[in-house]
C-alpha cells in the first residue's frame, strides 16, 4: 500500500475542539495508519487544546502512532491542502463540502452540533444518504476511518449547482 495523506479542517469561524481531539486520539491515528495514511495535515482554526503548543500560521510538527502530523491555524485558501490529500476529514460546512466533493476526494464529515440551528447535520445526512460522503458524530470518527471504503462512495456530479441547491432547499424546508 502506497503512503497516503489525510487532511483535517475544523473550520475557520467556530472552534471545534471535539473534532480535533477525536482525530488526534490514538485510536483514530492508528486507524489512519492502518489504512495507509502516514501524513496528516491539520487546519485547527481557533481551537485551543491544552496538550498543543500555540499553533500559528507556521506549521507545528509532531509524530504520533506512526503518523506525521502538521498543525496550523489559518491559510487564505485550503484548496492546495485538499488537492494533496487522499482523504479529507472535516466539519460539515457547506463550502468545504462542495470544495472537497468538486475535487473528487474521499470525505468524512462531522457536524458541529454546538452550532446554532445546526444546518450542518441536515446537509451532511442528506449527502451521506446519497453516498457522496461519510457522515459521523465525534465519538464515531475512529470507526468511520476504520470502516471507510472509498469504492462505495458515489462521485458528486459535475458542478452545475442544481443538485446541491436541491439538497439544501429540501433539507432547509424550502421545497
N, C-alpha and C. Protein backbone atom coordinates (compact mmCIF):
# COMPACT_ATOMS: atom_id res chain seq x y z
N UNK A 1 0.85 -1.18 0.00
CA UNK A 1 0.00 0.00 0.00
C UNK A 1 0.89 1.24 0.00
N UNK A 2 0.68 2.13 -0.96
CA UNK A 2 1.50 3.33 -1.03
C UNK A 2 1.07 4.33 0.05
N UNK A 3 2.03 5.14 0.55
CA UNK A 3 1.69 6.12 1.59
C UNK A 3 0.64 7.10 1.09
N UNK A 4 -0.25 7.42 1.98
CA UNK A 4 -1.32 8.36 1.63
C UNK A 4 -1.37 9.47 2.68
N UNK A 5 -2.06 10.55 2.29
CA UNK A 5 -2.15 11.73 3.14
C UNK A 5 -3.60 12.04 3.46
N UNK A 6 -3.84 12.46 4.69
CA UNK A 6 -5.17 12.90 5.12
C UNK A 6 -5.08 14.37 5.51
N UNK A 7 -6.19 15.06 5.38
CA UNK A 7 -6.27 16.47 5.74
C UNK A 7 -7.48 16.67 6.63
N UNK A 8 -7.29 17.32 7.76
CA UNK A 8 -8.37 17.65 8.69
C UNK A 8 -8.55 19.15 8.72
N UNK A 9 -9.78 19.61 8.53
CA UNK A 9 -10.10 21.02 8.73
C UNK A 9 -11.28 21.12 9.69
N UNK A 10 -11.13 21.95 10.68
CA UNK A 10 -12.21 22.14 11.67
C UNK A 10 -12.99 23.42 11.42
N UNK A 11 -12.62 24.14 10.35
CA UNK A 11 -13.32 25.38 10.04
C UNK A 11 -12.59 26.58 10.59
N UNK A 12 -12.99 27.73 10.10
CA UNK A 12 -12.29 28.96 10.47
C UNK A 12 -13.07 29.84 11.42
N UNK A 13 -14.37 29.63 11.55
CA UNK A 13 -15.17 30.61 12.30
C UNK A 13 -15.50 30.19 13.72
N UNK A 14 -15.66 28.91 13.97
CA UNK A 14 -16.04 28.46 15.32
C UNK A 14 -15.09 27.36 15.77
N UNK A 15 -14.65 27.39 17.01
CA UNK A 15 -13.78 26.31 17.49
C UNK A 15 -14.52 24.97 17.43
N UNK A 16 -13.79 23.91 17.12
CA UNK A 16 -14.35 22.57 17.10
C UNK A 16 -13.35 21.64 17.77
N UNK A 17 -13.12 21.91 19.07
CA UNK A 17 -12.15 21.16 19.86
C UNK A 17 -12.45 19.66 19.85
N UNK A 18 -13.72 19.29 19.87
CA UNK A 18 -14.09 17.88 19.95
C UNK A 18 -13.62 17.12 18.71
N UNK A 19 -13.76 17.71 17.54
CA UNK A 19 -13.32 17.03 16.32
C UNK A 19 -11.80 16.91 16.29
N UNK A 20 -11.10 17.97 16.63
CA UNK A 20 -9.65 17.92 16.66
C UNK A 20 -9.17 16.85 17.63
N UNK A 21 -9.75 16.82 18.81
CA UNK A 21 -9.37 15.82 19.81
C UNK A 21 -9.64 14.41 19.31
N UNK A 22 -10.78 14.22 18.64
CA UNK A 22 -11.15 12.88 18.16
C UNK A 22 -10.18 12.39 17.09
N UNK A 23 -9.78 13.26 16.17
CA UNK A 23 -8.88 12.83 15.10
C UNK A 23 -7.46 12.64 15.62
N UNK A 24 -7.05 13.43 16.61
CA UNK A 24 -5.71 13.28 17.16
C UNK A 24 -5.62 12.21 18.25
N UNK A 25 -6.74 11.57 18.58
CA UNK A 25 -6.74 10.50 19.57
C UNK A 25 -6.01 9.28 19.00
N UNK A 26 -5.41 8.51 19.88
CA UNK A 26 -4.62 7.36 19.44
C UNK A 26 -5.40 6.40 18.56
N UNK A 27 -6.67 6.11 18.89
CA UNK A 27 -7.41 5.14 18.09
C UNK A 27 -7.66 5.64 16.67
N UNK A 28 -7.93 6.93 16.49
CA UNK A 28 -8.13 7.48 15.15
C UNK A 28 -6.81 7.51 14.38
N UNK A 29 -5.73 7.88 15.05
CA UNK A 29 -4.43 7.90 14.38
C UNK A 29 -4.01 6.49 13.97
N UNK A 30 -4.27 5.50 14.81
CA UNK A 30 -3.98 4.11 14.45
C UNK A 30 -4.83 3.68 13.25
N UNK A 31 -6.10 4.09 13.24
CA UNK A 31 -6.99 3.75 12.12
C UNK A 31 -6.45 4.38 10.83
N UNK A 32 -6.00 5.63 10.89
CA UNK A 32 -5.41 6.27 9.71
C UNK A 32 -4.17 5.48 9.25
N UNK A 33 -3.29 5.19 10.18
CA UNK A 33 -2.05 4.46 9.86
C UNK A 33 -2.38 3.10 9.25
N UNK A 34 -3.33 2.39 9.84
CA UNK A 34 -3.69 1.06 9.35
C UNK A 34 -4.30 1.11 7.95
N UNK A 35 -4.89 2.24 7.58
CA UNK A 35 -5.45 2.43 6.23
C UNK A 35 -4.39 2.96 5.26
N UNK A 36 -3.15 3.15 5.73
CA UNK A 36 -2.08 3.59 4.87
C UNK A 36 -1.83 5.09 4.85
N UNK A 37 -2.51 5.83 5.71
CA UNK A 37 -2.29 7.28 5.79
C UNK A 37 -1.13 7.54 6.74
N UNK A 38 -0.02 8.01 6.20
CA UNK A 38 1.17 8.24 7.02
C UNK A 38 1.38 9.72 7.32
N UNK A 39 0.57 10.57 6.72
CA UNK A 39 0.69 12.02 6.93
C UNK A 39 -0.68 12.60 7.19
N UNK A 40 -0.75 13.52 8.16
CA UNK A 40 -1.99 14.21 8.49
C UNK A 40 -1.69 15.70 8.59
N UNK A 41 -2.33 16.48 7.71
CA UNK A 41 -2.26 17.94 7.76
C UNK A 41 -3.49 18.40 8.52
N UNK A 42 -3.32 19.36 9.44
CA UNK A 42 -4.43 19.79 10.28
C UNK A 42 -4.56 21.30 10.28
N UNK A 43 -5.71 21.78 9.81
CA UNK A 43 -6.06 23.19 9.95
C UNK A 43 -6.94 23.25 11.20
N UNK A 44 -6.38 23.79 12.30
CA UNK A 44 -7.09 23.72 13.58
C UNK A 44 -7.84 24.99 13.94
N UNK A 45 -7.75 26.03 13.12
CA UNK A 45 -8.54 27.23 13.35
C UNK A 45 -8.36 27.81 14.74
N UNK A 46 -9.48 28.18 15.36
CA UNK A 46 -9.46 28.82 16.67
C UNK A 46 -9.38 27.82 17.82
N UNK A 47 -9.27 26.55 17.49
CA UNK A 47 -9.24 25.51 18.52
C UNK A 47 -8.01 25.68 19.40
N UNK A 48 -8.20 25.58 20.68
CA UNK A 48 -7.10 25.66 21.63
C UNK A 48 -7.19 24.46 22.58
N UNK A 49 -6.33 23.51 22.38
CA UNK A 49 -6.30 22.34 23.24
C UNK A 49 -5.09 22.43 24.16
N UNK A 50 -5.25 22.04 25.41
CA UNK A 50 -4.16 22.21 26.37
C UNK A 50 -2.90 21.42 26.03
N UNK A 51 -3.01 20.29 25.32
CA UNK A 51 -1.82 19.50 25.04
C UNK A 51 -1.09 19.94 23.77
N UNK A 52 -1.58 20.99 23.11
CA UNK A 52 -0.92 21.51 21.92
C UNK A 52 -0.22 22.81 22.25
N UNK A 53 0.91 23.02 21.58
CA UNK A 53 1.55 24.32 21.71
C UNK A 53 0.67 25.33 21.01
N UNK A 54 0.95 26.60 21.20
CA UNK A 54 0.19 27.63 20.49
C UNK A 54 0.48 27.48 19.00
N UNK A 55 -0.52 27.07 18.24
CA UNK A 55 -0.36 26.84 16.82
C UNK A 55 -0.62 28.15 16.09
N UNK A 56 0.20 28.44 15.11
CA UNK A 56 0.02 29.66 14.32
C UNK A 56 0.06 29.30 12.84
N UNK A 57 0.22 30.30 12.00
CA UNK A 57 0.26 30.03 10.56
C UNK A 57 1.50 29.23 10.18
N UNK A 58 2.54 29.29 10.99
CA UNK A 58 3.70 28.44 10.77
C UNK A 58 3.39 27.06 11.34
N UNK A 59 3.51 26.01 10.52
CA UNK A 59 3.12 24.68 11.00
C UNK A 59 3.94 24.20 12.19
N UNK A 60 3.28 23.48 13.05
CA UNK A 60 3.90 22.78 14.17
C UNK A 60 3.85 21.31 13.83
N UNK A 61 4.97 20.62 13.94
CA UNK A 61 5.07 19.23 13.51
C UNK A 61 5.26 18.29 14.69
N UNK A 62 4.65 17.12 14.56
CA UNK A 62 4.83 16.06 15.55
C UNK A 62 4.57 14.72 14.86
N UNK A 63 4.84 13.65 15.55
CA UNK A 63 4.50 12.33 15.06
C UNK A 63 3.88 11.54 16.20
N UNK A 64 2.77 10.86 15.87
CA UNK A 64 2.10 10.03 16.86
C UNK A 64 1.51 8.82 16.16
N UNK A 65 1.62 7.68 16.78
CA UNK A 65 1.05 6.44 16.26
C UNK A 65 1.48 6.16 14.81
N UNK A 66 2.71 6.56 14.46
CA UNK A 66 3.21 6.31 13.12
C UNK A 66 2.69 7.25 12.06
N UNK A 67 2.08 8.35 12.46
CA UNK A 67 1.55 9.34 11.53
C UNK A 67 2.29 10.66 11.74
N UNK A 68 2.84 11.22 10.66
CA UNK A 68 3.46 12.54 10.71
C UNK A 68 2.35 13.58 10.65
N UNK A 69 2.35 14.49 11.62
CA UNK A 69 1.26 15.45 11.76
C UNK A 69 1.82 16.87 11.68
N UNK A 70 1.17 17.71 10.87
CA UNK A 70 1.48 19.14 10.80
C UNK A 70 0.20 19.89 11.14
N UNK A 71 0.30 20.82 12.08
CA UNK A 71 -0.85 21.61 12.50
C UNK A 71 -0.58 23.09 12.26
N UNK A 72 -1.60 23.81 11.81
CA UNK A 72 -1.54 25.25 11.62
C UNK A 72 -2.94 25.81 11.77
N UNK A 73 -3.04 27.12 12.01
CA UNK A 73 -4.36 27.69 12.29
C UNK A 73 -5.12 28.10 11.02
N UNK A 74 -4.60 29.04 10.25
CA UNK A 74 -5.33 29.56 9.10
C UNK A 74 -4.43 29.71 7.89
N UNK A 75 -5.03 29.61 6.72
CA UNK A 75 -4.41 29.96 5.45
C UNK A 75 -5.50 30.66 4.64
N UNK A 76 -5.11 31.51 3.70
CA UNK A 76 -6.13 32.17 2.88
C UNK A 76 -6.97 31.18 2.07
N UNK A 77 -6.38 30.04 1.71
CA UNK A 77 -7.10 29.04 0.91
C UNK A 77 -6.67 27.64 1.34
N UNK A 78 -7.61 26.73 1.33
CA UNK A 78 -7.32 25.33 1.66
C UNK A 78 -7.25 24.46 0.41
N UNK A 79 -7.41 25.05 -0.76
CA UNK A 79 -7.54 24.26 -1.99
C UNK A 79 -6.31 23.38 -2.25
N UNK A 80 -5.11 23.88 -2.03
CA UNK A 80 -3.91 23.06 -2.26
C UNK A 80 -3.83 21.91 -1.25
N UNK A 81 -4.22 22.17 -0.01
CA UNK A 81 -4.20 21.12 1.01
C UNK A 81 -5.21 20.02 0.66
N UNK A 82 -6.37 20.43 0.18
CA UNK A 82 -7.40 19.46 -0.21
C UNK A 82 -6.91 18.66 -1.42
N UNK A 83 -6.31 19.33 -2.39
CA UNK A 83 -5.82 18.63 -3.59
C UNK A 83 -4.77 17.59 -3.25
N UNK A 84 -3.90 17.88 -2.29
CA UNK A 84 -2.82 16.95 -1.91
C UNK A 84 -3.35 15.74 -1.16
N UNK A 85 -4.48 15.90 -0.50
CA UNK A 85 -4.98 14.85 0.39
C UNK A 85 -5.68 13.73 -0.38
N UNK A 86 -5.53 12.52 0.14
CA UNK A 86 -6.29 11.37 -0.36
C UNK A 86 -7.61 11.24 0.38
N UNK A 87 -7.63 11.74 1.61
CA UNK A 87 -8.82 11.71 2.46
C UNK A 87 -8.93 13.05 3.16
N UNK A 88 -10.15 13.59 3.20
CA UNK A 88 -10.40 14.82 3.95
C UNK A 88 -11.39 14.48 5.06
N UNK A 89 -11.06 14.93 6.26
CA UNK A 89 -11.96 14.84 7.41
C UNK A 89 -12.27 16.28 7.77
N UNK A 90 -13.57 16.59 7.90
CA UNK A 90 -13.93 18.00 8.01
C UNK A 90 -15.16 18.21 8.87
N UNK A 91 -15.25 19.42 9.41
CA UNK A 91 -16.52 19.91 9.91
C UNK A 91 -17.46 19.86 8.72
N UNK A 92 -18.73 19.99 8.93
CA UNK A 92 -19.68 19.80 7.83
C UNK A 92 -20.16 21.12 7.23
N UNK A 93 -19.26 22.08 7.13
CA UNK A 93 -19.61 23.35 6.50
C UNK A 93 -19.87 23.16 5.02
N UNK A 94 -20.93 23.77 4.51
CA UNK A 94 -21.33 23.59 3.12
C UNK A 94 -20.24 23.96 2.13
N UNK A 95 -19.53 25.05 2.37
CA UNK A 95 -18.48 25.48 1.45
C UNK A 95 -17.36 24.45 1.36
N UNK A 96 -16.95 23.94 2.49
CA UNK A 96 -15.89 22.93 2.49
C UNK A 96 -16.36 21.66 1.81
N UNK A 97 -17.58 21.23 2.09
CA UNK A 97 -18.12 20.03 1.45
C UNK A 97 -18.09 20.18 -0.07
N UNK A 98 -18.58 21.28 -0.58
CA UNK A 98 -18.61 21.50 -2.03
C UNK A 98 -17.20 21.49 -2.60
N UNK A 99 -16.27 22.19 -1.94
CA UNK A 99 -14.89 22.23 -2.43
C UNK A 99 -14.29 20.83 -2.53
N UNK A 100 -14.49 20.03 -1.50
CA UNK A 100 -13.90 18.68 -1.46
C UNK A 100 -14.57 17.77 -2.49
N UNK A 101 -15.90 17.80 -2.55
CA UNK A 101 -16.60 16.93 -3.49
C UNK A 101 -16.29 17.31 -4.94
N UNK A 102 -16.12 18.58 -5.23
CA UNK A 102 -15.76 19.00 -6.59
C UNK A 102 -14.42 18.42 -7.01
N UNK A 103 -13.52 18.23 -6.06
CA UNK A 103 -12.20 17.68 -6.36
C UNK A 103 -12.19 16.14 -6.35
N UNK A 104 -13.34 15.53 -6.05
CA UNK A 104 -13.44 14.08 -6.08
C UNK A 104 -12.69 13.36 -4.97
N UNK A 105 -12.54 14.02 -3.83
CA UNK A 105 -11.81 13.43 -2.71
C UNK A 105 -12.75 12.65 -1.79
N UNK A 106 -12.21 11.60 -1.17
CA UNK A 106 -12.95 10.89 -0.14
C UNK A 106 -13.15 11.86 1.02
N UNK A 107 -14.35 11.87 1.59
CA UNK A 107 -14.69 12.88 2.60
C UNK A 107 -15.47 12.26 3.75
N UNK A 108 -14.96 12.48 4.96
CA UNK A 108 -15.68 12.16 6.19
C UNK A 108 -16.02 13.50 6.83
N UNK A 109 -17.31 13.75 7.05
CA UNK A 109 -17.72 14.99 7.70
C UNK A 109 -18.29 14.71 9.08
N UNK A 110 -18.03 15.66 9.97
CA UNK A 110 -18.50 15.57 11.35
C UNK A 110 -19.21 16.87 11.67
N UNK A 111 -20.54 16.85 11.70
CA UNK A 111 -21.28 18.08 12.00
C UNK A 111 -20.94 18.60 13.40
N UNK A 112 -20.82 19.90 13.50
CA UNK A 112 -20.59 20.56 14.78
C UNK A 112 -21.96 20.84 15.38
N UNK A 113 -22.43 19.95 16.24
CA UNK A 113 -23.78 20.04 16.79
C UNK A 113 -23.94 21.21 17.77
N UNK A 114 -22.84 21.86 18.13
CA UNK A 114 -22.93 23.00 19.03
C UNK A 114 -23.36 24.27 18.31
N UNK A 115 -23.38 24.25 16.99
CA UNK A 115 -23.74 25.46 16.25
C UNK A 115 -25.23 25.72 16.30
N UNK A 116 -25.59 26.98 16.30
CA UNK A 116 -26.98 27.41 16.29
C UNK A 116 -27.66 26.93 15.02
N UNK A 117 -28.85 26.40 15.13
CA UNK A 117 -29.68 25.90 14.03
C UNK A 117 -29.13 24.65 13.35
N UNK A 118 -27.93 24.24 13.65
CA UNK A 118 -27.32 23.00 13.22
C UNK A 118 -27.67 22.56 11.80
N UNK A 119 -27.52 23.43 10.83
CA UNK A 119 -27.74 23.05 9.44
C UNK A 119 -26.71 22.04 8.96
N UNK A 120 -25.54 21.97 9.62
CA UNK A 120 -24.51 21.04 9.18
C UNK A 120 -25.00 19.60 9.22
N UNK A 121 -25.72 19.26 10.26
CA UNK A 121 -26.18 17.88 10.40
C UNK A 121 -27.15 17.49 9.29
N UNK A 122 -28.03 18.40 8.92
CA UNK A 122 -29.02 18.12 7.88
C UNK A 122 -28.35 17.92 6.52
N UNK A 123 -27.43 18.80 6.16
CA UNK A 123 -26.74 18.70 4.88
C UNK A 123 -25.88 17.44 4.85
N UNK A 124 -25.15 17.19 5.94
CA UNK A 124 -24.29 16.00 6.00
C UNK A 124 -25.11 14.72 5.86
N UNK A 125 -26.23 14.66 6.54
CA UNK A 125 -27.09 13.46 6.46
C UNK A 125 -27.58 13.24 5.04
N UNK A 126 -28.02 14.30 4.38
CA UNK A 126 -28.54 14.18 3.02
C UNK A 126 -27.46 13.69 2.05
N UNK A 127 -26.25 14.21 2.15
CA UNK A 127 -25.17 13.78 1.26
C UNK A 127 -24.67 12.38 1.62
N UNK A 128 -24.74 12.03 2.90
CA UNK A 128 -24.38 10.67 3.34
C UNK A 128 -25.37 9.66 2.75
N UNK A 129 -26.66 9.98 2.83
CA UNK A 129 -27.69 9.09 2.29
C UNK A 129 -27.52 8.89 0.79
N UNK A 130 -27.00 9.89 0.09
CA UNK A 130 -26.76 9.79 -1.35
C UNK A 130 -25.39 9.16 -1.63
N UNK A 131 -24.65 8.80 -0.58
CA UNK A 131 -23.36 8.11 -0.64
C UNK A 131 -22.25 8.94 -1.30
N UNK A 132 -22.35 10.28 -1.20
CA UNK A 132 -21.28 11.14 -1.71
C UNK A 132 -20.17 11.31 -0.67
N UNK A 133 -20.49 11.05 0.59
CA UNK A 133 -19.54 11.22 1.68
C UNK A 133 -19.96 10.35 2.85
N UNK A 134 -19.12 10.29 3.85
CA UNK A 134 -19.44 9.60 5.10
C UNK A 134 -19.67 10.69 6.15
N UNK A 135 -20.77 10.58 6.86
CA UNK A 135 -21.06 11.50 7.95
C UNK A 135 -21.09 10.70 9.25
N UNK A 136 -20.48 11.25 10.27
CA UNK A 136 -20.48 10.56 11.57
C UNK A 136 -20.45 11.60 12.68
N UNK A 137 -20.65 11.14 13.89
CA UNK A 137 -20.55 12.01 15.06
C UNK A 137 -19.11 11.97 15.58
N UNK A 138 -18.78 12.88 16.46
CA UNK A 138 -17.44 12.96 17.01
C UNK A 138 -16.99 11.63 17.62
N UNK A 139 -17.80 10.97 18.46
CA UNK A 139 -17.32 9.72 19.05
C UNK A 139 -17.08 8.59 18.04
N UNK A 140 -17.62 8.73 16.83
CA UNK A 140 -17.50 7.68 15.82
C UNK A 140 -16.43 7.93 14.77
N UNK A 141 -15.58 8.93 14.96
CA UNK A 141 -14.57 9.28 13.96
C UNK A 141 -13.62 8.11 13.69
N UNK A 142 -13.07 7.51 14.72
CA UNK A 142 -12.11 6.40 14.51
C UNK A 142 -12.79 5.24 13.78
N UNK A 143 -14.01 4.92 14.15
CA UNK A 143 -14.74 3.84 13.47
C UNK A 143 -14.98 4.19 12.01
N UNK A 144 -15.35 5.44 11.73
CA UNK A 144 -15.59 5.86 10.35
C UNK A 144 -14.33 5.71 9.50
N UNK A 145 -13.19 6.05 10.07
CA UNK A 145 -11.92 5.89 9.36
C UNK A 145 -11.65 4.40 9.12
N UNK A 146 -11.79 3.59 10.17
CA UNK A 146 -11.55 2.14 10.05
C UNK A 146 -12.45 1.50 9.00
N UNK A 147 -13.72 1.92 8.98
CA UNK A 147 -14.71 1.30 8.09
C UNK A 147 -14.76 1.93 6.70
N UNK A 148 -13.99 2.98 6.48
CA UNK A 148 -14.05 3.70 5.21
C UNK A 148 -13.72 2.79 4.03
N UNK A 149 -14.64 2.73 3.09
CA UNK A 149 -14.44 2.01 1.83
C UNK A 149 -14.68 3.05 0.73
N UNK A 150 -13.61 3.62 0.23
CA UNK A 150 -13.77 4.71 -0.75
C UNK A 150 -14.45 4.24 -2.02
N UNK A 151 -14.37 2.94 -2.33
CA UNK A 151 -15.02 2.45 -3.55
C UNK A 151 -16.54 2.48 -3.44
N UNK A 152 -17.07 2.61 -2.23
CA UNK A 152 -18.53 2.65 -2.06
C UNK A 152 -19.09 4.07 -2.21
N UNK A 153 -18.21 5.07 -2.28
CA UNK A 153 -18.66 6.45 -2.41
C UNK A 153 -19.01 6.74 -3.87
N UNK A 154 -20.08 7.47 -4.06
CA UNK A 154 -20.54 7.85 -5.39
C UNK A 154 -20.02 9.25 -5.69
N UNK A 155 -19.27 9.41 -6.79
CA UNK A 155 -18.75 10.74 -7.11
C UNK A 155 -19.88 11.76 -7.23
N UNK A 156 -19.62 12.94 -6.72
CA UNK A 156 -20.58 14.02 -6.82
C UNK A 156 -20.66 14.45 -8.28
N UNK A 157 -21.84 14.71 -8.81
CA UNK A 157 -21.97 15.10 -10.22
C UNK A 157 -21.18 16.38 -10.52
N UNK A 158 -20.78 16.51 -11.76
CA UNK A 158 -20.10 17.74 -12.18
C UNK A 158 -20.94 18.93 -11.76
N UNK A 159 -20.28 19.96 -11.30
CA UNK A 159 -21.00 21.07 -10.70
C UNK A 159 -21.81 21.86 -11.72
N UNK A 160 -23.10 21.92 -11.46
CA UNK A 160 -23.96 22.86 -12.15
C UNK A 160 -24.84 23.59 -11.13
N UNK A 161 -24.63 23.25 -9.87
CA UNK A 161 -25.34 23.94 -8.78
C UNK A 161 -26.69 23.37 -8.44
N UNK A 162 -27.32 22.69 -9.36
CA UNK A 162 -28.70 22.28 -9.14
C UNK A 162 -28.85 21.19 -8.09
N UNK A 163 -28.01 20.14 -8.11
CA UNK A 163 -28.19 19.06 -7.14
C UNK A 163 -27.92 19.56 -5.72
N UNK A 164 -26.82 20.29 -5.55
CA UNK A 164 -26.51 20.78 -4.21
C UNK A 164 -27.59 21.77 -3.75
N UNK A 165 -28.05 22.63 -4.65
CA UNK A 165 -29.12 23.57 -4.31
C UNK A 165 -30.39 22.84 -3.92
N UNK A 166 -30.72 21.77 -4.65
CA UNK A 166 -31.91 20.97 -4.33
C UNK A 166 -31.79 20.34 -2.95
N UNK A 167 -30.61 19.77 -2.66
CA UNK A 167 -30.38 19.16 -1.35
C UNK A 167 -30.56 20.21 -0.25
N UNK A 168 -29.93 21.37 -0.42
CA UNK A 168 -30.06 22.42 0.58
C UNK A 168 -31.51 22.87 0.73
N UNK A 169 -32.19 23.08 -0.37
CA UNK A 169 -33.59 23.52 -0.32
C UNK A 169 -34.48 22.49 0.37
N UNK A 170 -34.28 21.20 0.04
CA UNK A 170 -35.07 20.15 0.69
C UNK A 170 -34.81 20.08 2.18
N UNK A 171 -33.54 20.10 2.56
CA UNK A 171 -33.18 19.97 3.97
C UNK A 171 -33.58 21.19 4.79
N UNK A 172 -33.61 22.35 4.17
CA UNK A 172 -33.96 23.57 4.89
C UNK A 172 -35.47 23.83 4.85
N UNK A 173 -36.21 22.95 4.13
CA UNK A 173 -37.66 23.07 4.09
C UNK A 173 -38.20 24.09 3.12
N UNK A 174 -37.38 24.50 2.15
CA UNK A 174 -37.82 25.50 1.18
C UNK A 174 -38.68 24.89 0.08
N UNK A 175 -38.52 23.58 -0.15
CA UNK A 175 -39.36 22.91 -1.17
C UNK A 175 -39.94 21.64 -0.59
